[in-house]
Amino acid sequence: MRIFEKDGITFIMEKKKVKRLSLTLKKDGNFVSVPLSVSYAEAEKFVSEKTKWVKKHRETIPIKKEEKYLSGDEVFILGEKLILEIFFSEKKKKAEIINGRIFLYVKNPEDYDERKKAFSDFCKDILMKEVPAILREHEEKTGLSSSGVRYRTMKSRWGSCNVVTKEICLNTALATHPIECLSYVIMHEIIHIAEPSHNARFKALMTHYMPDWKERKAILNK
């Protein structure tokens, strides 16, 4: 790991098994993922060119609300607002939606980690029902094919695509957003099969196959 400062801005650099340099802005710092094949000197040159952009966008980073998953909380499934209810159950698992309420069943209602996992597992089930049809539609539209889909909890990404194996990974939290946003992320990752980077070609392909992708992205990032 290396700390680099430029124009009063501190960048935390770390070597990782990634394919390209990437800069992530968070409230607790500016993090740079550096491919093993890239030197720290090259990484410093990369972030030196980003200082004006960082200064402009630092204050616009939203502070993510930490969900508690308690009875009475408002939660969202596919963009629909629901009231969460926590119940003890030795047998029932995950959750179910009834009359505008989502019933989350856990063995220990006082355990935050258990409540969080139960909600995440339910979100995964939602995605497993919705994703196949959307994926098939986008694959037919683009002529591109993925090798499969995985679901996991991710802190800084909505999705990813392994351009070698063509496997797509989706954040389970997408289940809480409107279906249009889920569709956008799936298209985004499919396009990466044809174009790994976010260059002009990638954006042109996105615009060709999903003309309103920027609007969908804006909704998702809110």
Protein backbone atom coordinates (compact mmCIF):
# COMPACT_ATOMS: atom_id res chain seq x y z
CA MET A 1 0.00 0.00 0.00
CA ARG A 2 1.18 3.57 -0.71
CA ILE A 3 -0.10 7.00 0.30
CA PHE A 4 0.22 9.71 -2.35
CA GLU A 5 -0.67 13.40 -1.93
CA LYS A 6 -1.35 15.88 -4.71
CA ASP A 7 -2.76 19.42 -4.40
CA GLY A 8 -3.83 18.74 -0.82
CA ILE A 9 -5.64 15.53 -1.75
CA THR A 10 -4.59 12.18 -0.29
CA PHE A 11 -4.86 9.01 -2.35
CA ILE A 12 -4.60 5.56 -0.79
CA MET A 13 -3.08 3.17 -3.34
CA GLU A 14 -3.17 -0.59 -3.10
CA LYS A 15 -1.95 -3.33 -5.44
CA LYS A 16 -4.74 -5.70 -6.41
CA LYS A 17 -5.56 -8.43 -8.90
CA VAL A 18 -7.47 -6.07 -11.20
CA LYS A 19 -7.15 -5.37 -14.91
CA ARG A 20 -7.05 -1.58 -14.87
CA LEU A 21 -6.40 1.39 -12.64
CA SER A 22 -9.52 2.62 -10.89
CA LEU A 23 -10.27 5.47 -8.51
CA THR A 24 -13.05 5.22 -5.91
CA LEU A 25 -14.24 8.23 -3.91
CA LYS A 26 -15.71 7.64 -0.47
CA LYS A 27 -16.40 9.81 2.56
CA ASP A 28 -13.47 8.16 4.37
CA GLY A 29 -10.93 8.57 1.58
CA ASN A 30 -9.87 8.32 -2.07
CA PHE A 31 -8.92 4.76 -2.93
CA VAL A 32 -6.92 3.64 -5.96
CA SER A 33 -6.84 0.02 -7.11
CA VAL A 34 -3.53 -0.63 -8.89
CA PRO A 35 -3.02 -3.69 -11.14
CA LEU A 36 -0.06 -5.85 -10.17
CA SER A 37 1.53 -5.08 -13.54
CA VAL A 38 1.33 -1.30 -13.04
CA SER A 39 3.96 0.62 -11.05
CA TYR A 40 3.07 3.06 -8.30
CA ALA A 41 4.78 5.77 -10.36
CA GLU A 42 2.30 5.17 -13.18
CA ALA A 43 -0.55 5.18 -10.67
CA GLU A 44 0.62 8.51 -9.26
CA LYS A 45 0.61 10.00 -12.77
CA PHE A 46 -2.92 8.63 -13.26
CA VAL A 47 -4.34 10.24 -10.10
CA SER A 48 -2.41 13.48 -10.65
CA GLU A 49 -4.60 14.03 -13.70
CA LYS A 50 -7.73 13.41 -11.61
CA THR A 51 -7.27 15.99 -8.84
CA LYS A 52 -9.58 18.64 -10.36
CA TRP A 53 -12.26 16.02 -10.89
CA VAL A 54 -11.87 14.75 -7.31
CA LYS A 55 -12.20 18.24 -5.84
CA LYS A 56 -15.35 18.81 -7.88
CA HIS A 57 -17.05 15.57 -6.88
CA ARG A 58 -15.91 14.95 -3.29
CA GLU A 59 -18.72 16.98 -1.69
CA THR A 60 -21.41 15.33 -3.79
CA ILE A 61 -20.75 11.84 -2.45
CA PRO A 62 -23.90 10.72 -0.59
CA ILE A 63 -23.59 9.30 2.91
CA LYS A 64 -25.13 5.85 2.76
CA LYS A 65 -27.73 5.19 5.39
CA GLU A 66 -26.91 2.14 7.47
CA GLU A 67 -29.98 -0.08 7.45
CA LYS A 68 -30.96 -1.60 10.80
CA TYR A 69 -33.63 -4.01 9.47
CA LEU A 70 -36.01 -3.43 12.37
CA SER A 71 -39.80 -3.77 12.51
CA GLY A 72 -41.40 -0.60 11.19
CA ASP A 73 -38.51 0.29 8.88
CA GLU A 74 -39.31 1.30 5.32
CA VAL A 75 -37.58 -0.92 2.77
CA PHE A 76 -37.84 -1.25 -0.99
CA ILE A 77 -38.26 -4.26 -3.26
CA LEU A 78 -37.99 -3.51 -7.00
CA GLY A 79 -38.61 0.13 -6.16
CA GLU A 80 -41.83 -0.50 -4.19
CA LYS A 81 -41.88 0.85 -0.64
CA LEU A 82 -42.77 -1.74 1.96
CA ILE A 83 -42.93 -1.85 5.76
CA LEU A 84 -40.59 -4.35 7.36
CA GLU A 85 -41.82 -6.70 10.09
CA ILE A 86 -39.40 -8.95 12.00
CA PHE A 87 -40.66 -12.29 13.33
CA PHE A 88 -39.12 -15.14 15.25
CA SER A 89 -39.32 -18.51 13.54
CA GLU A 90 -37.43 -21.78 13.96
CA LYS A 91 -38.61 -23.11 10.59
CA LYS A 92 -39.46 -20.30 8.20
CA LYS A 93 -36.57 -18.65 6.41
CA LYS A 94 -35.97 -15.40 4.56
CA ALA A 95 -39.12 -13.36 3.93
CA GLU A 96 -42.44 -12.95 2.20
CA ILE A 97 -44.50 -9.97 1.01
CA ILE A 98 -48.10 -9.63 2.20
CA ASN A 99 -50.31 -6.54 1.77
CA GLY A 100 -47.56 -3.97 1.51
CA ARG A 101 -45.46 -5.51 4.25
CA ILE A 102 -42.38 -7.68 4.08
CA PHE A 103 -42.22 -10.31 6.81
CA LEU A 104 -38.66 -11.27 7.67
CA TYR A 105 -38.28 -14.54 9.58
CA VAL A 106 -35.21 -15.09 11.76
CA LYS A 107 -34.26 -17.35 14.65
CA ASN A 108 -32.85 -14.46 16.68
CA PRO A 109 -34.65 -11.14 16.04
CA GLU A 110 -32.07 -9.34 18.21
CA ASP A 111 -29.18 -10.36 15.96
CA TYR A 112 -28.45 -7.60 13.41
CA ASP A 113 -26.22 -9.83 11.25
CA GLU A 114 -28.96 -12.45 11.01
CA ARG A 115 -31.58 -9.87 10.04
CA LYS A 116 -29.25 -8.38 7.44
CA LYS A 117 -28.41 -11.78 5.95
CA ALA A 118 -32.08 -12.82 5.83
CA PHE A 119 -32.93 -9.64 3.92
CA SER A 120 -29.98 -10.09 1.56
CA ASP A 121 -30.95 -13.71 0.89
CA PHE A 122 -34.48 -12.62 0.08
CA CYS A 123 -33.14 -9.97 -2.30
CA LYS A 124 -31.10 -12.69 -3.99
CA ASP A 125 -34.26 -14.77 -4.45
CA ILE A 126 -35.99 -11.76 -6.04
CA LEU A 127 -33.12 -11.31 -8.50
CA MET A 128 -33.02 -15.00 -9.37
CA LYS A 129 -36.67 -14.71 -10.44
CA GLU A 130 -36.31 -11.45 -12.40
CA VAL A 131 -32.86 -11.65 -13.98
CA PRO A 132 -33.16 -14.65 -16.38
CA ALA A 133 -35.83 -13.04 -18.59
CA ILE A 134 -34.04 -9.67 -18.67
CA LEU A 135 -30.69 -11.32 -19.39
CA ARG A 136 -32.16 -13.39 -22.21
CA GLU A 137 -33.78 -10.29 -23.75
CA HIS A 138 -30.52 -8.30 -23.66
CA GLU A 139 -28.46 -11.19 -25.02
CA GLU A 140 -30.84 -11.59 -27.96
CA LYS A 141 -30.77 -7.83 -28.61
CA THR A 142 -26.98 -7.51 -28.54
CA GLY A 143 -25.96 -10.91 -29.90
CA LEU A 144 -23.68 -11.31 -26.86
CA SER A 145 -23.85 -14.24 -24.45
CA SER A 146 -22.83 -14.57 -20.82
CA SER A 147 -21.72 -17.86 -19.29
CA GLY A 148 -23.82 -17.39 -16.17
CA VAL A 149 -24.79 -15.08 -13.33
CA ARG A 150 -23.70 -14.95 -9.69
CA TYR A 151 -25.21 -12.88 -6.89
CA ARG A 152 -23.39 -11.39 -3.95
CA THR A 153 -23.35 -8.45 -1.56
CA MET A 154 -21.00 -5.74 -2.79
CA LYS A 155 -20.13 -2.43 -1.16
CA SER A 156 -18.92 -0.37 -4.10
CA ARG A 157 -20.28 -1.96 -7.27
CA TRP A 158 -23.68 -2.75 -8.71
CA GLY A 159 -22.21 -5.46 -10.90
CA SER A 160 -19.14 -6.83 -12.61
CA CYS A 161 -18.25 -8.94 -15.62
CA ASN A 162 -15.36 -11.34 -16.03
CA VAL A 163 -14.51 -10.69 -19.68
CA VAL A 164 -12.50 -13.92 -19.84
CA THR A 165 -15.16 -16.32 -18.51
CA LYS A 166 -18.05 -14.01 -19.52
CA GLU A 167 -19.61 -14.54 -16.11
CA ILE A 168 -21.70 -11.69 -14.70
CA CYS A 169 -21.94 -10.87 -11.00
CA LEU A 170 -24.80 -8.76 -9.63
CA ASN A 171 -25.15 -6.96 -6.30
CA THR A 172 -28.10 -8.37 -4.31
CA ALA A 173 -29.00 -4.77 -3.35
CA LEU A 174 -30.25 -4.27 -6.92
CA ALA A 175 -33.44 -6.01 -5.80
CA THR A 176 -34.34 -2.87 -3.85
CA HIS A 177 -34.26 -0.64 -6.95
CA PRO A 178 -36.73 -0.26 -9.84
CA ILE A 179 -36.66 -2.98 -12.49
CA GLU A 180 -35.42 -0.41 -15.05
CA CYS A 181 -32.25 0.03 -12.99
CA LEU A 182 -31.70 -3.72 -12.75
CA SER A 183 -32.12 -3.94 -16.52
CA TYR A 184 -29.54 -1.17 -16.98
CA VAL A 185 -26.91 -2.92 -14.86
CA ILE A 186 -27.43 -6.20 -16.71
CA MET A 187 -27.03 -4.45 -20.06
CA HIS A 188 -23.96 -2.62 -18.73
CA GLU A 189 -22.25 -5.89 -17.80
CA ILE A 190 -23.24 -7.63 -21.04
CA ILE A 191 -21.70 -4.80 -23.08
CA HIS A 192 -18.46 -5.37 -21.18
CA ILE A 193 -18.21 -8.75 -22.92
CA ALA A 194 -17.67 -6.81 -26.14
CA GLU A 195 -15.83 -3.84 -24.63
CA PRO A 196 -14.05 -4.27 -21.26
CA SER A 197 -13.41 -0.57 -20.63
CA HIS A 198 -15.74 2.42 -20.24
CA ASN A 199 -14.43 4.14 -23.35
CA ALA A 200 -16.29 5.86 -26.18
CA ARG A 201 -17.05 2.54 -27.86
CA PHE A 202 -18.62 1.18 -24.68
CA LYS A 203 -20.83 4.27 -24.30
CA ALA A 204 -21.81 4.11 -27.97
CA LEU A 205 -22.87 0.48 -27.61
CA MET A 206 -24.86 1.30 -24.48
CA THR A 207 -26.63 4.16 -26.27
CA HIS A 208 -27.36 1.96 -29.28
CA TYR A 209 -28.95 -0.86 -27.30
CA MET A 210 -30.39 1.18 -24.40
CA PRO A 211 -30.85 4.85 -25.44
CA ASP A 212 -32.00 5.94 -21.96
CA TRP A 213 -29.18 4.24 -20.03
CA LYS A 214 -27.90 7.53 -18.57
CA GLU A 215 -31.31 8.32 -17.08
CA ARG A 216 -31.51 4.83 -15.59
CA LYS A 217 -28.02 5.17 -14.17
CA ALA A 218 -28.93 8.51 -12.56
CA ILE A 219 -31.97 6.95 -10.86
CA LEU A 220 -29.88 4.05 -9.60
CA ASN A 221 -27.18 6.30 -8.15
CA LYS A 222 -29.71 8.39 -6.24
